[in-house]
Amino acid sequence: METIVTKPQNSNINPKPTTRRVKTTDPSADDMSLSQLRIKEAAYYKALERGFASGHELDDWLAAEKEENQ
C-alpha cells in the first residue's frame, strides 16, 4: 500500500495537504519492495567491505541483485 500526499489546487480552500492510501494492483509489490531493500543492503555491505572506493557502485549493485535472484 502506498501513501500519496497531494496539495490542494487552491491554497485558500484547504491549506492542509490531504493524504490517502492507494492499494497497488500488483500483489507481489510488497515482495518486490522487500527484495529491493535486500539488494540495497547487500550492495551497501559490498561497498563497505572495499572501503567505499568509488567506481564500483554498479558492480556492487549487480552482484547483490544476482545473489538475491539466485
Foldseek 3Di string as FASTA:
>chain_A
DDKDWDQDPDCVVPVDIDIDDDDDPDPCVVVVVVLVVQLVVQLVVVCVVVPVDPDCSVVSSVVSNVVSVD
